[in-house]
Amino acid sequence: MAEVLLFTEVDISRRVVETVESSFRGLLRLAVTRADLGEAKAKAYDKDRGQIRADLLLDLLKPAERRWRRYVYVVEGDGYAPGLNFVFGVAYGDKAVVFTERLRSAAELFELRLAKEITHELGHTFGLGHCGDPRCVMYFSNTIGDTDLKGPGFCPRCFAKLERALSGR
């Protein structure tokens, strides 16, 4: 079982955690801790754009201990990556970041969007690419509408890849 530590600046409901964990069907356990990411956010903040540069933020965020298999940071704010106007999240290596700004809506919809984006970025940390199935959580979200239309779980093809990645096969 993969253990993932989720650092967050926002309150994460049990529903978000359960939605993410259920998408991984018992292959993952998610632990949540509050975090102050202010200093790293300030260094990664692009004043001209009014956004946080996602790749720079991930480079700056280094967990104090390396006992977890993956790390996810939920950041209050709007993110971007070079060449893109905005990102909901970014992942590379064993770390991922998800930005809340463009996911905001009514509480229940926000929680579902957040769970989908956390699951999507974690999928990337386990080697999954974007999927062509618009119902799969690994489908690329070009708009918030894409996020709303896709499901919270993996399609059979992506889940099979995930199982192989987690089993070391």
C-alpha atoms as a PDB file:
ATOM      1  CA  MET A   1       0.000   0.000   0.000  1.00  0.00           C
ATOM      2  CA  ALA A   2       1.331   3.430  -0.958  1.00  0.00           C
ATOM      3  CA  GLU A   3       1.354   6.017   1.786  1.00  0.00           C
ATOM      4  CA  VAL A   4       0.807   9.625   0.767  1.00  0.00           C
ATOM      5  CA  LEU A   5       1.184  12.711   2.931  1.00  0.00           C
ATOM      6  CA  LEU A   6      -1.057  15.616   1.957  1.00  0.00           C
ATOM      7  CA  PHE A   7       0.015  19.056   3.169  1.00  0.00           C
ATOM      8  CA  THR A   8      -2.796  21.577   3.015  1.00  0.00           C
ATOM      9  CA  GLU A   9      -3.449  25.244   3.643  1.00  0.00           C
ATOM     10  CA  VAL A  10      -7.216  24.726   3.460  1.00  0.00           C
ATOM     11  CA  ASP A  11      -9.559  22.559   5.479  1.00  0.00           C
ATOM     12  CA  ILE A  12      -9.870  19.139   3.855  1.00  0.00           C
ATOM     13  CA  SER A  13     -13.027  17.254   4.700  1.00  0.00           C
ATOM     14  CA  ARG A  14     -13.100  13.539   5.365  1.00  0.00           C
ATOM     15  CA  ARG A  15     -15.208  13.262   2.195  1.00  0.00           C
ATOM     16  CA  VAL A  16     -12.280  14.499   0.044  1.00  0.00           C
ATOM     17  CA  VAL A  17      -9.906  11.989   1.651  1.00  0.00           C
ATOM     18  CA  GLU A  18     -12.392   9.135   1.232  1.00  0.00           C
ATOM     19  CA  THR A  19     -13.036  10.041  -2.422  1.00  0.00           C
ATOM     20  CA  VAL A  20      -9.308  10.042  -3.211  1.00  0.00           C
ATOM     21  CA  GLU A  21      -8.683   6.793  -1.328  1.00  0.00           C
ATOM     22  CA  SER A  22     -11.649   5.047  -2.961  1.00  0.00           C
ATOM     23  CA  SER A  23     -10.321   6.002  -6.413  1.00  0.00           C
ATOM     24  CA  PHE A  24      -7.194   3.990  -5.605  1.00  0.00           C
ATOM     25  CA  ARG A  25      -9.289   0.996  -4.429  1.00  0.00           C
ATOM     26  CA  GLY A  26      -7.232   0.120  -1.376  1.00  0.00           C
ATOM     27  CA  LEU A  27      -3.820   0.727  -2.986  1.00  0.00           C
ATOM     28  CA  LEU A  28      -3.237   4.006  -1.172  1.00  0.00           C
ATOM     29  CA  ARG A  29      -3.559   5.546   2.288  1.00  0.00           C
ATOM     30  CA  LEU A  30      -3.747   9.319   2.596  1.00  0.00           C
ATOM     31  CA  ALA A  31      -2.630  11.186   5.715  1.00  0.00           C
ATOM     32  CA  VAL A  32      -3.458  14.892   5.997  1.00  0.00           C
ATOM     33  CA  THR A  33      -1.590  17.616   7.858  1.00  0.00           C
ATOM     34  CA  ARG A  34      -2.013  21.389   7.965  1.00  0.00           C
ATOM     35  CA  ALA A  35       0.947  23.284   6.575  1.00  0.00           C
ATOM     36  CA  ASP A  36       2.145  26.860   6.317  1.00  0.00           C
ATOM     37  CA  LEU A  37       3.463  27.168   2.778  1.00  0.00           C
ATOM     38  CA  GLY A  38       3.705  30.958   2.937  1.00  0.00           C
ATOM     39  CA  GLU A  39       7.463  31.357   2.491  1.00  0.00           C
ATOM     40  CA  ALA A  40       7.699  28.979  -0.475  1.00  0.00           C
ATOM     41  CA  LYS A  41       4.553  30.501  -2.023  1.00  0.00           C
ATOM     42  CA  ALA A  42       6.027  33.988  -1.713  1.00  0.00           C
ATOM     43  CA  LYS A  43       9.213  32.915  -3.514  1.00  0.00           C
ATOM     44  CA  ALA A  44       7.230  31.216  -6.300  1.00  0.00           C
ATOM     45  CA  TYR A  45       4.729  34.069  -6.680  1.00  0.00           C
ATOM     46  CA  ASP A  46       4.880  35.940  -9.989  1.00  0.00           C
ATOM     47  CA  LYS A  47       3.725  39.499  -9.256  1.00  0.00           C
ATOM     48  CA  ASP A  48       3.250  40.328 -12.943  1.00  0.00           C
ATOM     49  CA  ARG A  49       0.821  37.444 -13.430  1.00  0.00           C
ATOM     50  CA  GLY A  50      -0.713  37.400  -9.951  1.00  0.00           C
ATOM     51  CA  GLN A  51      -0.151  33.632  -9.889  1.00  0.00           C
ATOM     52  CA  ILE A  52       2.107  31.049  -8.283  1.00  0.00           C
ATOM     53  CA  ARG A  53       4.561  29.266 -10.577  1.00  0.00           C
ATOM     54  CA  ALA A  54       3.840  25.579  -9.948  1.00  0.00           C
ATOM     55  CA  ASP A  55       7.178  24.046 -10.974  1.00  0.00           C
ATOM     56  CA  LEU A  56       9.152  26.528  -8.895  1.00  0.00           C
ATOM     57  CA  LEU A  57       6.900  25.910  -5.894  1.00  0.00           C
ATOM     58  CA  LEU A  58       7.440  22.141  -6.154  1.00  0.00           C
ATOM     59  CA  ASP A  59      11.215  22.697  -6.272  1.00  0.00           C
ATOM     60  CA  LEU A  60      11.016  24.805  -3.101  1.00  0.00           C
ATOM     61  CA  LEU A  61       8.820  22.394  -1.127  1.00  0.00           C
ATOM     62  CA  LYS A  62      10.946  19.739   0.507  1.00  0.00           C
ATOM     63  CA  PRO A  63       9.384  17.498   3.150  1.00  0.00           C
ATOM     64  CA  ALA A  64      11.271  17.395   6.447  1.00  0.00           C
ATOM     65  CA  GLU A  65      11.232  13.607   6.495  1.00  0.00           C
ATOM     66  CA  ARG A  66      11.234  11.237   3.543  1.00  0.00           C
ATOM     67  CA  ARG A  67       9.262   8.339   4.986  1.00  0.00           C
ATOM     68  CA  TRP A  68       6.204   8.794   2.745  1.00  0.00           C
ATOM     69  CA  ARG A  69       5.940   7.411  -0.772  1.00  0.00           C
ATOM     70  CA  ARG A  70       4.328  10.551  -2.261  1.00  0.00           C
ATOM     71  CA  TYR A  71       3.661  14.144  -1.193  1.00  0.00           C
ATOM     72  CA  VAL A  72       0.763  16.367  -2.277  1.00  0.00           C
ATOM     73  CA  TYR A  73       0.450  20.049  -1.451  1.00  0.00           C
ATOM     74  CA  VAL A  74      -2.975  21.728  -1.575  1.00  0.00           C
ATOM     75  CA  VAL A  75      -2.334  25.431  -2.017  1.00  0.00           C
ATOM     76  CA  GLU A  76      -4.729  28.341  -1.579  1.00  0.00           C
ATOM     77  CA  GLY A  77      -4.237  30.389  -4.735  1.00  0.00           C
ATOM     78  CA  ASP A  78      -3.961  30.296  -8.515  1.00  0.00           C
ATOM     79  CA  GLY A  79      -1.141  28.440 -10.245  1.00  0.00           C
ATOM     80  CA  TYR A  80       0.488  28.393 -13.642  1.00  0.00           C
ATOM     81  CA  ALA A  81       3.265  26.598 -15.472  1.00  0.00           C
ATOM     82  CA  PRO A  82       5.488  28.048 -18.204  1.00  0.00           C
ATOM     83  CA  GLY A  83       3.599  27.990 -21.496  1.00  0.00           C
ATOM     84  CA  LEU A  84       0.172  27.671 -19.836  1.00  0.00           C
ATOM     85  CA  ASN A  85      -2.251  30.363 -18.679  1.00  0.00           C
ATOM     86  CA  PHE A  86      -3.132  28.376 -15.560  1.00  0.00           C
ATOM     87  CA  VAL A  87      -2.980  24.899 -14.053  1.00  0.00           C
ATOM     88  CA  PHE A  88      -5.271  23.134 -11.617  1.00  0.00           C
ATOM     89  CA  GLY A  89      -2.240  21.154 -10.485  1.00  0.00           C
ATOM     90  CA  VAL A  90       1.191  19.879 -11.468  1.00  0.00           C
ATOM     91  CA  ALA A  91       3.170  16.774 -10.553  1.00  0.00           C
ATOM     92  CA  TYR A  92       6.672  15.520 -11.060  1.00  0.00           C
ATOM     93  CA  GLY A  93       8.796  13.035  -9.245  1.00  0.00           C
ATOM     94  CA  ASP A  94       7.197  12.102  -5.950  1.00  0.00           C
ATOM     95  CA  LYS A  95       5.522  15.498  -5.383  1.00  0.00           C
ATOM     96  CA  ALA A  96       2.363  17.174  -6.635  1.00  0.00           C
ATOM     97  CA  VAL A  97       0.651  20.495  -6.050  1.00  0.00           C
ATOM     98  CA  VAL A  98      -3.045  21.328  -6.471  1.00  0.00           C
ATOM     99  CA  PHE A  99      -4.282  24.929  -6.527  1.00  0.00           C
ATOM    100  CA  THR A 100      -7.715  25.775  -5.117  1.00  0.00           C
ATOM    101  CA  GLU A 101      -8.501  29.100  -6.828  1.00  0.00           C
ATOM    102  CA  ARG A 102     -10.166  27.774  -9.995  1.00  0.00           C
ATOM    103  CA  LEU A 103     -11.854  24.859  -8.204  1.00  0.00           C
ATOM    104  CA  ARG A 104     -13.931  27.086  -5.899  1.00  0.00           C
ATOM    105  CA  SER A 105     -17.703  26.729  -6.009  1.00  0.00           C
ATOM    106  CA  ALA A 106     -20.398  25.487  -3.652  1.00  0.00           C
ATOM    107  CA  ALA A 107     -18.804  23.407  -0.881  1.00  0.00           C
ATOM    108  CA  GLU A 108     -19.882  20.004  -2.189  1.00  0.00           C
ATOM    109  CA  LEU A 109     -18.742  20.720  -5.763  1.00  0.00           C
ATOM    110  CA  PHE A 110     -15.457  22.205  -4.516  1.00  0.00           C
ATOM    111  CA  GLU A 111     -14.740  19.049  -2.495  1.00  0.00           C
ATOM    112  CA  LEU A 112     -15.390  16.789  -5.493  1.00  0.00           C
ATOM    113  CA  ARG A 113     -13.233  18.945  -7.783  1.00  0.00           C
ATOM    114  CA  LEU A 114     -10.438  18.968  -5.211  1.00  0.00           C
ATOM    115  CA  ALA A 115     -10.594  15.181  -4.811  1.00  0.00           C
ATOM    116  CA  LYS A 116     -10.451  14.710  -8.598  1.00  0.00           C
ATOM    117  CA  GLU A 117      -7.435  16.989  -8.984  1.00  0.00           C
ATOM    118  CA  ILE A 118      -5.568  15.379  -6.069  1.00  0.00           C
ATOM    119  CA  THR A 119      -6.253  11.936  -7.570  1.00  0.00           C
ATOM    120  CA  HIS A 120      -5.205  13.135 -11.043  1.00  0.00           C
ATOM    121  CA  GLU A 121      -1.902  14.603  -9.840  1.00  0.00           C
ATOM    122  CA  LEU A 122      -1.164  11.533  -7.706  1.00  0.00           C
ATOM    123  CA  GLY A 123      -1.742   9.436 -10.827  1.00  0.00           C
ATOM    124  CA  HIS A 124       1.036  11.415 -12.511  1.00  0.00           C
ATOM    125  CA  THR A 125       3.401  10.756  -9.582  1.00  0.00           C
ATOM    126  CA  PHE A 126       2.862   7.034 -10.180  1.00  0.00           C
ATOM    127  CA  GLY A 127       3.747   7.380 -13.860  1.00  0.00           C
ATOM    128  CA  LEU A 128       0.320   7.772 -15.457  1.00  0.00           C
ATOM    129  CA  GLY A 129      -0.068  10.143 -18.395  1.00  0.00           C
ATOM    130  CA  HIS A 130      -3.192  11.871 -19.607  1.00  0.00           C
ATOM    131  CA  CYS A 131      -5.995   9.604 -20.785  1.00  0.00           C
ATOM    132  CA  GLY A 132      -8.230  10.017 -23.824  1.00  0.00           C
ATOM    133  CA  ASP A 133     -11.319   8.836 -21.930  1.00  0.00           C
ATOM    134  CA  PRO A 134     -13.196  11.998 -20.816  1.00  0.00           C
ATOM    135  CA  ARG A 135     -14.725  10.069 -17.874  1.00  0.00           C
ATOM    136  CA  CYS A 136     -11.324   8.992 -16.493  1.00  0.00           C
ATOM    137  CA  VAL A 137      -9.789  11.070 -13.717  1.00  0.00           C
ATOM    138  CA  MET A 138      -6.563  11.140 -15.787  1.00  0.00           C
ATOM    139  CA  TYR A 139      -8.278  13.039 -18.611  1.00  0.00           C
ATOM    140  CA  PHE A 140      -6.618  16.430 -19.166  1.00  0.00           C
ATOM    141  CA  SER A 141      -8.769  19.273 -17.811  1.00  0.00           C
ATOM    142  CA  ASN A 142      -8.453  22.234 -20.119  1.00  0.00           C
ATOM    143  CA  THR A 143     -11.396  23.910 -18.371  1.00  0.00           C
ATOM    144  CA  ILE A 144     -13.233  23.517 -15.079  1.00  0.00           C
ATOM    145  CA  GLY A 145     -16.049  21.986 -17.150  1.00  0.00           C
ATOM    146  CA  ASP A 146     -13.690  19.137 -18.088  1.00  0.00           C
ATOM    147  CA  THR A 147     -13.005  18.567 -14.391  1.00  0.00           C
ATOM    148  CA  ASP A 148     -16.723  18.537 -13.630  1.00  0.00           C
ATOM    149  CA  LEU A 149     -17.483  16.022 -16.413  1.00  0.00           C
ATOM    150  CA  LYS A 150     -14.791  13.476 -15.616  1.00  0.00           C
ATOM    151  CA  GLY A 151     -15.286  10.928 -12.899  1.00  0.00           C
ATOM    152  CA  PRO A 152     -13.349  10.715  -9.637  1.00  0.00           C
ATOM    153  CA  GLY A 153     -11.846   7.331 -10.525  1.00  0.00           C
ATOM    154  CA  PHE A 154      -9.522   5.716 -13.039  1.00  0.00           C
ATOM    155  CA  CYS A 155     -10.723   4.007 -16.212  1.00  0.00           C
ATOM    156  CA  PRO A 156      -9.865   0.263 -16.396  1.00  0.00           C
ATOM    157  CA  ARG A 157      -6.793   0.912 -18.570  1.00  0.00           C
ATOM    158  CA  CYS A 158      -5.330   3.574 -16.268  1.00  0.00           C
ATOM    159  CA  PHE A 159      -6.140   1.550 -13.157  1.00  0.00           C
ATOM    160  CA  ALA A 160      -4.288  -1.458 -14.616  1.00  0.00           C
ATOM    161  CA  LYS A 161      -1.249   0.780 -15.210  1.00  0.00           C
ATOM    162  CA  LEU A 162      -1.545   2.099 -11.665  1.00  0.00           C
ATOM    163  CA  GLU A 163      -1.670  -1.428 -10.224  1.00  0.00           C
ATOM    164  CA  ARG A 164       1.460  -2.363 -12.187  1.00  0.00           C
ATOM    165  CA  ALA A 165       3.266   0.762 -10.988  1.00  0.00           C
ATOM    166  CA  LEU A 166       2.361   0.137  -7.353  1.00  0.00           C
ATOM    167  CA  SER A 167       3.246  -3.550  -7.481  1.00  0.00           C
ATOM    168  CA  GLY A 168       6.618  -2.895  -9.114  1.00  0.00           C
ATOM    169  CA  ARG A 169       5.771  -4.990 -12.184  1.00  0.00           C
END
